[in-house]
Amino acid sequence: MSHFSTVKTHLRKREPLLQALKDLGYVPQEGERSVRGYRGQTVTAELSVIMPEGGDIGFRLNSTTGAYELVTDLDLWRQSVPVERFLAQLTQRYALNTVLASTAQEGFEVAEQRNTDDGAIELVVTRWDS
């Protein structure tokens, strides 16, 4: 019996997802990899974070929705925050990286970036038109 859980997300782009994982201090691995769970069970994911004690974190693309889904054994979740908080932090970093990439592509530069006391990230971007 599998103990793996699949959690839907709205994360659709690989690069911002990879950067978000790195921003949170993880070392993501690309390509089809085994994600370890209970009693040596595994599932395959396109992105994975190997955890030293097992209970790896994986992401696989759902071809129907076009979004990456989190796949992990929640019984082995040993992160410093609950899975819901992890996904909230990951989604925030994903959104930030998506905005930064889009604004840079449009010729904007970050003039100011700060984290507020409530955990929000405020950005001020500028662009000089000639």
N, C-alpha and C. Protein backbone atom coordinates (compact mmCIF):
# COMPACT_ATOMS: atom_id res chain seq x y z
N MET A 1 0.84 -1.19 0.00
CA MET A 1 0.00 0.00 0.00
C MET A 1 0.88 1.24 0.00
N SER A 2 0.63 2.12 -0.92
CA SER A 2 1.44 3.33 -1.07
C SER A 2 1.05 4.36 -0.02
N HIS A 3 2.05 5.07 0.49
CA HIS A 3 1.83 6.14 1.43
C HIS A 3 2.07 7.50 0.79
N PHE A 4 2.24 7.53 -0.51
CA PHE A 4 2.54 8.80 -1.18
C PHE A 4 1.27 9.62 -1.33
N SER A 5 1.44 10.92 -1.14
CA SER A 5 0.35 11.86 -1.34
C SER A 5 0.71 12.77 -2.50
N THR A 6 -0.29 13.16 -3.26
CA THR A 6 -0.11 14.10 -4.36
C THR A 6 -0.91 15.35 -4.03
N VAL A 7 -0.23 16.49 -4.06
CA VAL A 7 -0.87 17.76 -3.73
C VAL A 7 -0.84 18.64 -4.97
N LYS A 8 -2.02 19.08 -5.39
CA LYS A 8 -2.12 19.94 -6.57
C LYS A 8 -1.57 21.32 -6.26
N THR A 9 -0.95 21.93 -7.27
CA THR A 9 -0.45 23.29 -7.16
C THR A 9 -0.83 24.05 -8.42
N HIS A 10 -0.46 25.32 -8.46
CA HIS A 10 -0.65 26.15 -9.66
C HIS A 10 0.71 26.52 -10.25
N LEU A 11 1.73 25.74 -9.93
CA LEU A 11 3.09 26.01 -10.39
C LEU A 11 3.28 25.37 -11.76
N ARG A 12 3.40 26.19 -12.80
CA ARG A 12 3.41 25.68 -14.17
C ARG A 12 4.77 25.77 -14.86
N LYS A 13 5.63 26.65 -14.41
CA LYS A 13 6.90 26.86 -15.11
C LYS A 13 8.04 26.23 -14.30
N ARG A 14 8.87 25.48 -15.00
CA ARG A 14 9.96 24.74 -14.36
C ARG A 14 11.02 25.66 -13.74
N GLU A 15 11.49 26.65 -14.49
CA GLU A 15 12.60 27.49 -14.00
C GLU A 15 12.25 28.25 -12.72
N PRO A 16 11.10 28.93 -12.64
CA PRO A 16 10.77 29.60 -11.38
C PRO A 16 10.60 28.61 -10.21
N LEU A 17 10.12 27.40 -10.51
CA LEU A 17 9.98 26.38 -9.47
C LEU A 17 11.35 25.94 -8.97
N LEU A 18 12.27 25.69 -9.90
CA LEU A 18 13.63 25.32 -9.50
C LEU A 18 14.27 26.42 -8.65
N GLN A 19 14.13 27.66 -9.09
CA GLN A 19 14.73 28.78 -8.35
C GLN A 19 14.07 28.94 -6.99
N ALA A 20 12.76 28.74 -6.90
CA ALA A 20 12.06 28.85 -5.62
C ALA A 20 12.58 27.81 -4.64
N LEU A 21 12.78 26.59 -5.11
CA LEU A 21 13.33 25.55 -4.24
C LEU A 21 14.73 25.93 -3.76
N LYS A 22 15.55 26.46 -4.67
CA LYS A 22 16.90 26.90 -4.29
C LYS A 22 16.84 28.05 -3.28
N ASP A 23 15.91 28.99 -3.51
CA ASP A 23 15.75 30.13 -2.60
C ASP A 23 15.44 29.66 -1.18
N LEU A 24 14.72 28.55 -1.08
CA LEU A 24 14.34 28.02 0.23
C LEU A 24 15.42 27.12 0.83
N GLY A 25 16.54 26.99 0.11
CA GLY A 25 17.66 26.23 0.65
C GLY A 25 17.73 24.77 0.24
N TYR A 26 16.91 24.38 -0.70
CA TYR A 26 16.91 22.99 -1.18
C TYR A 26 17.81 22.85 -2.40
N VAL A 27 18.20 21.63 -2.69
CA VAL A 27 19.02 21.34 -3.86
C VAL A 27 18.19 20.44 -4.79
N PRO A 28 17.43 21.04 -5.69
CA PRO A 28 16.58 20.24 -6.58
C PRO A 28 17.40 19.53 -7.65
N GLN A 29 16.94 18.34 -8.01
CA GLN A 29 17.55 17.57 -9.08
C GLN A 29 16.53 17.41 -10.19
N GLU A 30 16.99 17.65 -11.42
CA GLU A 30 16.10 17.56 -12.57
C GLU A 30 16.20 16.19 -13.22
N GLY A 31 15.19 15.87 -14.00
CA GLY A 31 15.15 14.59 -14.71
C GLY A 31 14.37 13.57 -13.91
N GLU A 32 13.97 12.52 -14.58
CA GLU A 32 13.18 11.49 -13.90
C GLU A 32 14.00 10.86 -12.79
N ARG A 33 13.50 11.01 -11.58
CA ARG A 33 14.18 10.52 -10.38
C ARG A 33 13.18 9.79 -9.50
N SER A 34 13.70 8.91 -8.71
CA SER A 34 12.88 8.22 -7.72
C SER A 34 12.75 9.07 -6.48
N VAL A 35 11.54 9.17 -5.98
CA VAL A 35 11.25 9.85 -4.73
C VAL A 35 10.97 8.76 -3.71
N ARG A 36 11.76 8.74 -2.63
CA ARG A 36 11.65 7.67 -1.64
C ARG A 36 10.58 7.96 -0.61
N GLY A 37 9.91 6.89 -0.20
CA GLY A 37 8.88 7.00 0.82
C GLY A 37 8.97 5.85 1.80
N TYR A 38 7.86 5.51 2.37
CA TYR A 38 7.72 4.50 3.41
C TYR A 38 8.26 3.14 2.96
N ARG A 39 9.10 2.54 3.80
CA ARG A 39 9.65 1.20 3.58
C ARG A 39 10.26 1.00 2.20
N GLY A 40 10.95 2.03 1.73
CA GLY A 40 11.65 1.91 0.47
C GLY A 40 10.80 2.06 -0.78
N GLN A 41 9.53 2.36 -0.62
CA GLN A 41 8.68 2.57 -1.79
C GLN A 41 9.15 3.81 -2.52
N THR A 42 8.94 3.83 -3.83
CA THR A 42 9.33 4.98 -4.64
C THR A 42 8.26 5.32 -5.66
N VAL A 43 8.27 6.57 -6.07
CA VAL A 43 7.49 7.04 -7.22
C VAL A 43 8.45 7.87 -8.06
N THR A 44 8.12 8.06 -9.31
CA THR A 44 8.96 8.84 -10.21
C THR A 44 8.45 10.27 -10.31
N ALA A 45 9.38 11.21 -10.31
CA ALA A 45 9.04 12.63 -10.45
C ALA A 45 10.06 13.29 -11.37
N GLU A 46 9.66 14.40 -12.01
CA GLU A 46 10.54 15.13 -12.92
C GLU A 46 11.53 16.03 -12.18
N LEU A 47 11.16 16.47 -10.99
CA LEU A 47 12.03 17.27 -10.12
C LEU A 47 11.98 16.62 -8.75
N SER A 48 13.12 16.57 -8.09
CA SER A 48 13.11 15.98 -6.75
C SER A 48 14.13 16.65 -5.85
N VAL A 49 13.84 16.56 -4.57
CA VAL A 49 14.76 17.00 -3.54
C VAL A 49 14.98 15.79 -2.65
N ILE A 50 16.19 15.29 -2.65
CA ILE A 50 16.53 14.11 -1.86
C ILE A 50 16.80 14.55 -0.43
N MET A 51 16.09 13.96 0.50
CA MET A 51 16.27 14.29 1.91
C MET A 51 17.10 13.18 2.56
N PRO A 52 18.04 13.54 3.42
CA PRO A 52 18.95 12.55 4.00
C PRO A 52 18.24 11.41 4.73
N GLU A 53 17.14 11.70 5.40
CA GLU A 53 16.45 10.67 6.19
C GLU A 53 15.29 10.03 5.45
N GLY A 54 15.21 10.21 4.14
CA GLY A 54 14.07 9.68 3.38
C GLY A 54 12.95 10.70 3.37
N GLY A 55 11.81 10.31 2.88
CA GLY A 55 10.71 11.26 2.78
C GLY A 55 11.04 12.37 1.81
N ASP A 56 11.57 11.98 0.65
CA ASP A 56 11.98 12.95 -0.36
C ASP A 56 10.78 13.79 -0.83
N ILE A 57 11.10 14.91 -1.48
CA ILE A 57 10.09 15.80 -2.03
C ILE A 57 10.21 15.74 -3.55
N GLY A 58 9.11 15.49 -4.23
CA GLY A 58 9.14 15.43 -5.68
C GLY A 58 8.06 16.29 -6.30
N PHE A 59 8.28 16.63 -7.55
CA PHE A 59 7.29 17.36 -8.35
C PHE A 59 7.16 16.67 -9.69
N ARG A 60 5.96 16.38 -10.08
CA ARG A 60 5.73 15.80 -11.40
C ARG A 60 4.66 16.61 -12.12
N LEU A 61 4.87 16.73 -13.42
CA LEU A 61 3.97 17.54 -14.25
C LEU A 61 2.69 16.77 -14.54
N ASN A 62 1.57 17.38 -14.23
CA ASN A 62 0.27 16.81 -14.56
C ASN A 62 -0.08 17.28 -15.97
N SER A 63 -0.12 16.37 -16.91
CA SER A 63 -0.33 16.74 -18.31
C SER A 63 -1.74 17.30 -18.55
N THR A 64 -2.67 16.97 -17.70
CA THR A 64 -4.03 17.48 -17.86
C THR A 64 -4.13 18.95 -17.44
N THR A 65 -3.55 19.28 -16.30
CA THR A 65 -3.65 20.65 -15.79
C THR A 65 -2.49 21.53 -16.22
N GLY A 66 -1.37 20.92 -16.61
CA GLY A 66 -0.18 21.67 -16.99
C GLY A 66 0.57 22.23 -15.80
N ALA A 67 0.24 21.75 -14.59
CA ALA A 67 0.89 22.24 -13.38
C ALA A 67 1.68 21.11 -12.72
N TYR A 68 2.72 21.50 -12.01
CA TYR A 68 3.49 20.53 -11.24
C TYR A 68 2.73 20.19 -9.96
N GLU A 69 2.72 18.92 -9.60
CA GLU A 69 2.11 18.47 -8.37
C GLU A 69 3.21 18.02 -7.41
N LEU A 70 3.03 18.35 -6.14
CA LEU A 70 3.94 17.88 -5.11
C LEU A 70 3.62 16.42 -4.84
N VAL A 71 4.64 15.58 -4.80
CA VAL A 71 4.44 14.18 -4.44
C VAL A 71 5.45 13.84 -3.35
N THR A 72 4.94 13.35 -2.23
CA THR A 72 5.79 13.02 -1.09
C THR A 72 5.04 12.08 -0.17
N ASP A 73 5.77 11.45 0.71
CA ASP A 73 5.17 10.61 1.74
C ASP A 73 4.99 11.50 2.96
N LEU A 74 3.76 11.92 3.21
CA LEU A 74 3.50 12.86 4.30
C LEU A 74 3.79 12.26 5.67
N ASP A 75 3.76 10.94 5.78
CA ASP A 75 4.10 10.30 7.05
C ASP A 75 5.58 10.49 7.39
N LEU A 76 6.40 10.72 6.37
CA LEU A 76 7.83 10.91 6.57
C LEU A 76 8.26 12.37 6.44
N TRP A 77 7.31 13.31 6.42
CA TRP A 77 7.61 14.73 6.28
C TRP A 77 8.41 15.19 7.49
N ARG A 78 9.64 15.59 7.29
CA ARG A 78 10.52 16.00 8.39
C ARG A 78 11.06 17.41 8.19
N GLN A 79 10.33 18.22 7.46
CA GLN A 79 10.77 19.60 7.23
C GLN A 79 10.51 20.44 8.46
N SER A 80 11.12 21.60 8.52
CA SER A 80 10.97 22.47 9.69
C SER A 80 9.60 23.12 9.78
N VAL A 81 8.84 23.06 8.68
CA VAL A 81 7.49 23.62 8.66
C VAL A 81 6.53 22.57 8.12
N PRO A 82 5.24 22.67 8.47
CA PRO A 82 4.26 21.74 7.90
C PRO A 82 4.17 21.89 6.38
N VAL A 83 3.66 20.88 5.72
CA VAL A 83 3.60 20.87 4.26
C VAL A 83 2.82 22.07 3.71
N GLU A 84 1.77 22.48 4.41
CA GLU A 84 0.98 23.63 3.95
C GLU A 84 1.81 24.91 3.96
N ARG A 85 2.61 25.09 5.00
CA ARG A 85 3.47 26.28 5.09
C ARG A 85 4.58 26.21 4.05
N PHE A 86 5.13 25.01 3.84
CA PHE A 86 6.15 24.81 2.81
C PHE A 86 5.60 25.23 1.45
N LEU A 87 4.39 24.79 1.12
CA LEU A 87 3.79 25.14 -0.17
C LEU A 87 3.51 26.64 -0.26
N ALA A 88 3.12 27.26 0.84
CA ALA A 88 2.88 28.71 0.83
C ALA A 88 4.19 29.45 0.58
N GLN A 89 5.26 29.04 1.24
CA GLN A 89 6.57 29.68 1.03
C GLN A 89 7.06 29.44 -0.39
N LEU A 90 6.91 28.21 -0.88
CA LEU A 90 7.34 27.86 -2.23
C LEU A 90 6.56 28.67 -3.26
N THR A 91 5.27 28.78 -3.08
CA THR A 91 4.43 29.53 -4.02
C THR A 91 4.80 31.01 -4.02
N GLN A 92 5.11 31.57 -2.84
CA GLN A 92 5.53 32.97 -2.77
C GLN A 92 6.84 33.18 -3.53
N ARG A 93 7.82 32.31 -3.33
CA ARG A 93 9.10 32.44 -4.01
C ARG A 93 8.93 32.22 -5.52
N TYR A 94 8.06 31.28 -5.90
CA TYR A 94 7.76 31.02 -7.31
C TYR A 94 7.18 32.28 -7.95
N ALA A 95 6.22 32.90 -7.28
CA ALA A 95 5.59 34.11 -7.80
C ALA A 95 6.63 35.23 -7.94
N LEU A 96 7.47 35.39 -6.93
CA LEU A 96 8.51 36.42 -6.98
C LEU A 96 9.43 36.18 -8.17
N ASN A 97 9.89 34.96 -8.35
CA ASN A 97 10.79 34.66 -9.47
C ASN A 97 10.12 34.84 -10.82
N THR A 98 8.83 34.53 -10.90
CA THR A 98 8.08 34.74 -12.14
C THR A 98 7.97 36.23 -12.46
N VAL A 99 7.66 37.03 -11.45
CA VAL A 99 7.54 38.49 -11.63
C VAL A 99 8.89 39.08 -12.01
N LEU A 100 9.96 38.66 -11.33
CA LEU A 100 11.29 39.20 -11.63
C LEU A 100 11.70 38.87 -13.07
N ALA A 101 11.43 37.65 -13.52
CA ALA A 101 11.78 37.27 -14.89
C ALA A 101 10.96 38.07 -15.90
N SER A 102 9.67 38.24 -15.64
CA SER A 102 8.80 38.98 -16.56
C SER A 102 9.18 40.45 -16.63
N THR A 103 9.46 41.05 -15.49
CA THR A 103 9.81 42.47 -15.51
C THR A 103 11.16 42.70 -16.18
N ALA A 104 12.11 41.80 -15.96
CA ALA A 104 13.41 41.92 -16.63
C ALA A 104 13.25 41.80 -18.14
N GLN A 105 12.38 40.89 -18.57
CA GLN A 105 12.14 40.70 -20.00
C GLN A 105 11.52 41.95 -20.62
N GLU A 106 10.76 42.68 -19.84
CA GLU A 106 10.12 43.91 -20.32
C GLU A 106 11.01 45.14 -20.16
N GLY A 107 12.23 44.93 -19.67
CA GLY A 107 13.18 46.04 -19.55
C GLY A 107 13.15 46.77 -18.23
N PHE A 108 12.48 46.22 -17.24
CA PHE A 108 12.43 46.85 -15.92
C PHE A 108 13.60 46.37 -15.07
N GLU A 109 13.98 47.20 -14.12
CA GLU A 109 15.00 46.85 -13.14
C GLU A 109 14.41 46.98 -11.75
N VAL A 110 14.85 46.13 -10.85
CA VAL A 110 14.37 46.20 -9.47
C VAL A 110 15.07 47.37 -8.78
N ALA A 111 14.28 48.35 -8.35
CA ALA A 111 14.82 49.50 -7.63
C ALA A 111 14.84 49.22 -6.14
N GLU A 112 13.87 48.46 -5.68
CA GLU A 112 13.79 48.16 -4.25
C GLU A 112 13.05 46.85 -4.05
N GLN A 113 13.54 46.04 -3.13
CA GLN A 113 12.86 44.81 -2.73
C GLN A 113 13.02 44.68 -1.23
N ARG A 114 11.89 44.52 -0.54
CA ARG A 114 12.00 44.34 0.90
C ARG A 114 10.93 43.37 1.40
N ASN A 115 11.29 42.71 2.47
CA ASN A 115 10.36 41.80 3.13
C ASN A 115 9.70 42.54 4.28
N THR A 116 8.39 42.48 4.33
CA THR A 116 7.65 43.17 5.39
C THR A 116 7.54 42.27 6.62
N ASP A 117 7.10 42.85 7.72
CA ASP A 117 6.96 42.11 8.97
C ASP A 117 5.94 40.97 8.86
N ASP A 118 4.95 41.12 7.99
CA ASP A 118 3.93 40.08 7.85
C ASP A 118 4.32 39.00 6.84
N GLY A 119 5.55 39.05 6.32
CA GLY A 119 6.02 38.01 5.40
C GLY A 119 5.83 38.33 3.93
N ALA A 120 5.21 39.47 3.64
CA ALA A 120 5.02 39.86 2.24
C ALA A 120 6.34 40.37 1.66
N ILE A 121 6.43 40.35 0.35
CA ILE A 121 7.59 40.89 -0.35
C ILE A 121 7.10 42.06 -1.21
N GLU A 122 7.70 43.22 -0.99
CA GLU A 122 7.34 44.40 -1.77
C GLU A 122 8.43 44.68 -2.77
N LEU A 123 8.02 44.94 -4.01
CA LEU A 123 8.95 45.24 -5.09
C LEU A 123 8.63 46.61 -5.68
N VAL A 124 9.68 47.33 -6.00
CA VAL A 124 9.54 48.55 -6.78
C VAL A 124 10.43 48.35 -8.00
N VAL A 125 9.83 48.41 -9.19
CA VAL A 125 10.61 48.27 -10.42
C VAL A 125 10.51 49.54 -11.24
N THR A 126 11.57 49.82 -11.98
CA THR A 126 11.60 51.03 -12.80
C THR A 126 12.09 50.68 -14.19
N ARG A 127 11.75 51.57 -15.11
CA ARG A 127 12.25 51.42 -16.49
C ARG A 127 12.39 52.83 -17.07
N TRP A 128 13.52 53.05 -17.68
CA TRP A 128 13.76 54.32 -18.35
C TRP A 128 13.48 54.16 -19.83
N ASP A 129 12.52 54.93 -20.31
CA ASP A 129 12.22 54.92 -21.75
C ASP A 129 12.94 56.09 -22.40
N SER A 130 13.49 55.85 -23.56
CA SER A 130 14.19 56.95 -24.24
C SER A 130 13.30 57.63 -25.25
